[in-house]
Amino acid sequence: MLRNLLIAITKAFKWFVGWPRPVLVPKFKTGCEVWYSTSRYDEEAEGGAAIGTVEIVKVDRAAEEINYLIKTKPHGAVWRKESQLQPCASANKE
């Protein structure tokens, strides 16, 4: 019983101070070409895709997610979550 009480106190302390926090590592770096979802409203919806270049990587530790600013090919830019991106294989590689 004392053991269970100590485990509960330890868990409460870790939750209270926010320890340990996960280390978020971006999958893509600045300058990488990626395929991104063109769907604006529902990330699970099937829609079109386009190619863009990663310009900014934003790590949000509070929300535990990584967001990317993607520069679109013709002009403009969009923010996308890591789950909405796929690596773009270059056609020049053999």
N, C-alpha and C. Protein backbone atom coordinates (compact mmCIF):
# COMPACT_ATOMS: atom_id res chain seq x y z
N MET A 1 0.82 -1.18 0.00
CA MET A 1 0.00 0.00 0.00
C MET A 1 0.88 1.26 0.00
N LEU A 2 1.94 1.24 0.77
CA LEU A 2 2.85 2.38 0.79
C LEU A 2 3.52 2.56 -0.57
N ARG A 3 3.84 1.45 -1.20
CA ARG A 3 4.45 1.50 -2.55
C ARG A 3 3.51 2.16 -3.55
N ASN A 4 2.24 1.78 -3.53
CA ASN A 4 1.25 2.37 -4.44
C ASN A 4 1.06 3.86 -4.18
N LEU A 5 1.12 4.25 -2.91
CA LEU A 5 1.00 5.66 -2.55
C LEU A 5 2.19 6.45 -3.07
N LEU A 6 3.40 5.92 -2.93
CA LEU A 6 4.59 6.59 -3.46
C LEU A 6 4.56 6.70 -4.98
N ILE A 7 4.09 5.66 -5.67
CA ILE A 7 3.97 5.72 -7.14
C ILE A 7 2.97 6.79 -7.54
N ALA A 8 1.85 6.88 -6.84
CA ALA A 8 0.83 7.90 -7.16
C ALA A 8 1.38 9.30 -6.93
N ILE A 9 2.11 9.50 -5.84
CA ILE A 9 2.70 10.82 -5.56
C ILE A 9 3.74 11.18 -6.62
N THR A 10 4.56 10.21 -7.01
CA THR A 10 5.58 10.45 -8.04
C THR A 10 4.92 10.81 -9.37
N LYS A 11 3.89 10.09 -9.77
CA LYS A 11 3.19 10.40 -11.02
C LYS A 11 2.56 11.79 -10.97
N ALA A 12 1.97 12.14 -9.83
CA ALA A 12 1.36 13.46 -9.70
C ALA A 12 2.42 14.55 -9.78
N PHE A 13 3.58 14.33 -9.17
CA PHE A 13 4.66 15.30 -9.23
C PHE A 13 5.16 15.47 -10.66
N LYS A 14 5.36 14.36 -11.38
CA LYS A 14 5.82 14.43 -12.77
C LYS A 14 4.79 15.16 -13.63
N TRP A 15 3.51 14.91 -13.41
CA TRP A 15 2.48 15.58 -14.19
C TRP A 15 2.48 17.07 -13.87
N PHE A 16 2.65 17.41 -12.59
CA PHE A 16 2.59 18.81 -12.16
C PHE A 16 3.73 19.64 -12.75
N VAL A 17 4.94 19.10 -12.78
CA VAL A 17 6.08 19.86 -13.30
C VAL A 17 6.29 19.65 -14.80
N GLY A 18 5.54 18.71 -15.39
CA GLY A 18 5.65 18.48 -16.83
C GLY A 18 6.90 17.74 -17.22
N TRP A 19 7.34 16.83 -16.38
CA TRP A 19 8.56 16.07 -16.64
C TRP A 19 8.23 14.62 -16.83
N PRO A 20 8.82 13.86 -17.66
CA PRO A 20 9.70 14.29 -18.75
C PRO A 20 8.88 14.70 -19.96
N ARG A 21 9.32 15.71 -20.64
CA ARG A 21 8.64 16.17 -21.84
C ARG A 21 9.26 15.48 -23.04
N PRO A 22 8.46 15.13 -24.01
CA PRO A 22 9.01 14.47 -25.19
C PRO A 22 9.86 15.43 -26.02
N VAL A 23 10.91 14.89 -26.59
CA VAL A 23 11.76 15.67 -27.47
C VAL A 23 11.21 15.53 -28.88
N LEU A 24 10.77 16.61 -29.46
CA LEU A 24 10.21 16.58 -30.80
C LEU A 24 11.31 16.82 -31.82
N VAL A 25 11.44 15.90 -32.76
CA VAL A 25 12.46 16.00 -33.79
C VAL A 25 11.76 16.16 -35.13
N PRO A 26 12.01 17.25 -35.85
CA PRO A 26 11.38 17.45 -37.15
C PRO A 26 11.81 16.39 -38.15
N LYS A 27 10.85 15.92 -38.93
CA LYS A 27 11.12 14.91 -39.96
C LYS A 27 11.77 15.54 -41.19
N PHE A 28 11.42 16.80 -41.47
CA PHE A 28 11.92 17.50 -42.64
C PHE A 28 12.71 18.74 -42.22
N LYS A 29 13.69 19.11 -43.01
CA LYS A 29 14.52 20.27 -42.72
C LYS A 29 14.18 21.39 -43.70
N THR A 30 14.66 22.58 -43.41
CA THR A 30 14.45 23.72 -44.30
C THR A 30 15.11 23.45 -45.64
N GLY A 31 14.38 23.70 -46.72
CA GLY A 31 14.90 23.49 -48.06
C GLY A 31 14.51 22.17 -48.69
N CYS A 32 13.91 21.25 -47.92
CA CYS A 32 13.48 19.96 -48.46
C CYS A 32 12.23 20.14 -49.31
N GLU A 33 12.16 19.40 -50.42
CA GLU A 33 10.94 19.39 -51.22
C GLU A 33 10.03 18.31 -50.69
N VAL A 34 8.75 18.64 -50.51
CA VAL A 34 7.78 17.71 -49.95
C VAL A 34 6.47 17.77 -50.72
N TRP A 35 5.74 16.65 -50.66
CA TRP A 35 4.36 16.64 -51.12
C TRP A 35 3.52 17.05 -49.93
N TYR A 36 2.55 17.92 -50.13
CA TYR A 36 1.68 18.32 -49.04
C TYR A 36 0.23 18.22 -49.46
N SER A 37 -0.63 18.01 -48.48
CA SER A 37 -2.06 17.89 -48.71
C SER A 37 -2.63 19.27 -49.02
N THR A 38 -3.44 19.35 -50.07
CA THR A 38 -4.05 20.64 -50.42
C THR A 38 -5.40 20.82 -49.73
N SER A 39 -5.85 19.81 -48.99
CA SER A 39 -7.10 19.92 -48.25
C SER A 39 -6.92 20.91 -47.10
N ARG A 40 -7.81 21.89 -46.98
CA ARG A 40 -7.66 22.94 -45.97
C ARG A 40 -8.40 22.62 -44.68
N TYR A 41 -9.48 21.86 -44.75
CA TYR A 41 -10.35 21.73 -43.60
C TYR A 41 -10.19 20.42 -42.84
N ASP A 42 -10.08 19.32 -43.54
CA ASP A 42 -10.02 18.01 -42.88
C ASP A 42 -8.76 17.30 -43.30
N GLU A 43 -7.86 17.06 -42.37
CA GLU A 43 -6.59 16.43 -42.74
C GLU A 43 -6.76 14.96 -43.11
N GLU A 44 -7.88 14.34 -42.74
CA GLU A 44 -8.12 12.95 -43.09
C GLU A 44 -8.82 12.80 -44.45
N ALA A 45 -9.37 13.89 -44.96
CA ALA A 45 -10.09 13.83 -46.22
C ALA A 45 -9.12 13.62 -47.38
N GLU A 46 -9.55 12.82 -48.32
CA GLU A 46 -8.72 12.61 -49.50
C GLU A 46 -8.91 13.79 -50.43
N GLY A 47 -7.84 14.30 -50.89
CA GLY A 47 -7.91 15.44 -51.79
C GLY A 47 -6.67 15.48 -52.63
N GLY A 48 -6.39 16.62 -53.20
CA GLY A 48 -5.22 16.77 -54.03
C GLY A 48 -3.95 16.92 -53.22
N ALA A 49 -2.85 16.88 -53.95
CA ALA A 49 -1.55 17.09 -53.33
C ALA A 49 -0.72 17.95 -54.26
N ALA A 50 0.24 18.64 -53.70
CA ALA A 50 1.12 19.49 -54.49
C ALA A 50 2.53 19.42 -53.92
N ILE A 51 3.48 19.90 -54.69
CA ILE A 51 4.87 19.91 -54.26
C ILE A 51 5.24 21.31 -53.80
N GLY A 52 5.97 21.36 -52.69
CA GLY A 52 6.43 22.64 -52.17
C GLY A 52 7.77 22.47 -51.46
N THR A 53 8.32 23.58 -51.02
CA THR A 53 9.62 23.59 -50.33
C THR A 53 9.42 24.06 -48.90
N VAL A 54 10.03 23.36 -47.94
CA VAL A 54 9.92 23.73 -46.54
C VAL A 54 10.72 25.01 -46.31
N GLU A 55 10.06 26.04 -45.78
CA GLU A 55 10.70 27.32 -45.50
C GLU A 55 10.95 27.51 -44.01
N ILE A 56 9.96 27.15 -43.17
CA ILE A 56 10.08 27.34 -41.72
C ILE A 56 9.60 26.08 -41.02
N VAL A 57 10.32 25.67 -39.99
CA VAL A 57 9.93 24.55 -39.14
C VAL A 57 9.60 25.12 -37.77
N LYS A 58 8.37 24.91 -37.31
CA LYS A 58 7.93 25.44 -36.01
C LYS A 58 7.58 24.27 -35.09
N VAL A 59 8.33 24.14 -33.99
CA VAL A 59 8.09 23.08 -33.02
C VAL A 59 7.26 23.67 -31.88
N ASP A 60 6.06 23.12 -31.69
CA ASP A 60 5.15 23.57 -30.63
C ASP A 60 5.14 22.50 -29.54
N ARG A 61 5.94 22.71 -28.49
CA ARG A 61 6.06 21.71 -27.44
C ARG A 61 4.80 21.63 -26.59
N ALA A 62 4.07 22.72 -26.46
CA ALA A 62 2.85 22.70 -25.65
C ALA A 62 1.79 21.81 -26.28
N ALA A 63 1.65 21.90 -27.59
CA ALA A 63 0.67 21.07 -28.31
C ALA A 63 1.27 19.74 -28.77
N GLU A 64 2.58 19.56 -28.58
CA GLU A 64 3.31 18.36 -28.98
C GLU A 64 3.12 18.06 -30.47
N GLU A 65 3.35 19.08 -31.30
CA GLU A 65 3.27 18.89 -32.74
C GLU A 65 4.30 19.77 -33.44
N ILE A 66 4.57 19.42 -34.68
CA ILE A 66 5.52 20.18 -35.49
C ILE A 66 4.77 20.70 -36.71
N ASN A 67 4.87 21.99 -36.96
CA ASN A 67 4.22 22.62 -38.11
C ASN A 67 5.28 23.13 -39.08
N TYR A 68 4.94 23.12 -40.36
CA TYR A 68 5.87 23.54 -41.40
C TYR A 68 5.21 24.61 -42.26
N LEU A 69 5.99 25.63 -42.63
CA LEU A 69 5.54 26.60 -43.60
C LEU A 69 6.08 26.13 -44.94
N ILE A 70 5.17 25.81 -45.85
CA ILE A 70 5.53 25.28 -47.16
C ILE A 70 5.36 26.36 -48.21
N LYS A 71 6.42 26.65 -48.94
CA LYS A 71 6.35 27.61 -50.05
C LYS A 71 5.86 26.84 -51.28
N THR A 72 4.73 27.29 -51.80
CA THR A 72 4.14 26.61 -52.95
C THR A 72 4.87 27.00 -54.22
N LYS A 73 4.78 26.15 -55.22
CA LYS A 73 5.53 26.34 -56.46
C LYS A 73 5.18 27.63 -57.20
N PRO A 74 3.92 27.88 -57.58
CA PRO A 74 3.67 29.12 -58.32
C PRO A 74 3.94 30.36 -57.47
N HIS A 75 3.30 30.45 -56.32
CA HIS A 75 3.49 31.57 -55.40
C HIS A 75 2.67 31.30 -54.15
N GLY A 76 3.03 31.92 -53.07
CA GLY A 76 2.28 31.76 -51.83
C GLY A 76 2.92 30.76 -50.89
N ALA A 77 2.27 30.58 -49.74
CA ALA A 77 2.77 29.65 -48.74
C ALA A 77 1.61 29.15 -47.89
N VAL A 78 1.75 27.96 -47.32
CA VAL A 78 0.73 27.35 -46.47
C VAL A 78 1.39 26.69 -45.27
N TRP A 79 0.67 26.65 -44.15
CA TRP A 79 1.13 25.93 -42.96
C TRP A 79 0.54 24.54 -42.99
N ARG A 80 1.35 23.53 -42.74
CA ARG A 80 0.88 22.15 -42.70
C ARG A 80 1.50 21.42 -41.51
N LYS A 81 0.77 20.44 -40.97
CA LYS A 81 1.28 19.60 -39.90
C LYS A 81 2.16 18.51 -40.51
N GLU A 82 2.97 17.91 -39.67
CA GLU A 82 3.89 16.88 -40.15
C GLU A 82 3.13 15.68 -40.74
N SER A 83 1.95 15.38 -40.22
CA SER A 83 1.17 14.25 -40.71
C SER A 83 0.64 14.48 -42.12
N GLN A 84 0.63 15.72 -42.59
CA GLN A 84 0.12 16.04 -43.92
C GLN A 84 1.21 16.11 -44.97
N LEU A 85 2.46 15.76 -44.61
CA LEU A 85 3.58 15.87 -45.53
C LEU A 85 4.17 14.51 -45.86
N GLN A 86 4.70 14.40 -47.08
CA GLN A 86 5.42 13.21 -47.52
C GLN A 86 6.68 13.66 -48.24
N PRO A 87 7.76 12.91 -48.12
CA PRO A 87 8.99 13.31 -48.83
C PRO A 87 8.80 13.23 -50.34
N CYS A 88 9.45 14.11 -51.05
CA CYS A 88 9.37 14.15 -52.51
C CYS A 88 10.65 13.54 -53.06
N ALA A 89 10.52 12.42 -53.76
CA ALA A 89 11.69 11.78 -54.37
C ALA A 89 12.05 12.53 -55.65
N SER A 90 13.29 12.92 -55.77
CA SER A 90 13.73 13.66 -56.94
C SER A 90 13.79 12.73 -58.16
N ALA A 91 13.39 13.22 -59.30
CA ALA A 91 13.42 12.42 -60.53
C ALA A 91 14.83 12.25 -61.06
N ASN A 92 15.78 13.09 -60.59
CA ASN A 92 17.15 13.01 -61.08
C ASN A 92 17.95 11.88 -60.45
N LYS A 93 17.49 11.35 -59.34
CA LYS A 93 18.22 10.28 -58.66
C LYS A 93 18.07 8.98 -59.44
N GLU A 94 19.15 8.22 -59.49
CA GLU A 94 19.09 6.96 -60.22
C GLU A 94 19.39 5.82 -59.26
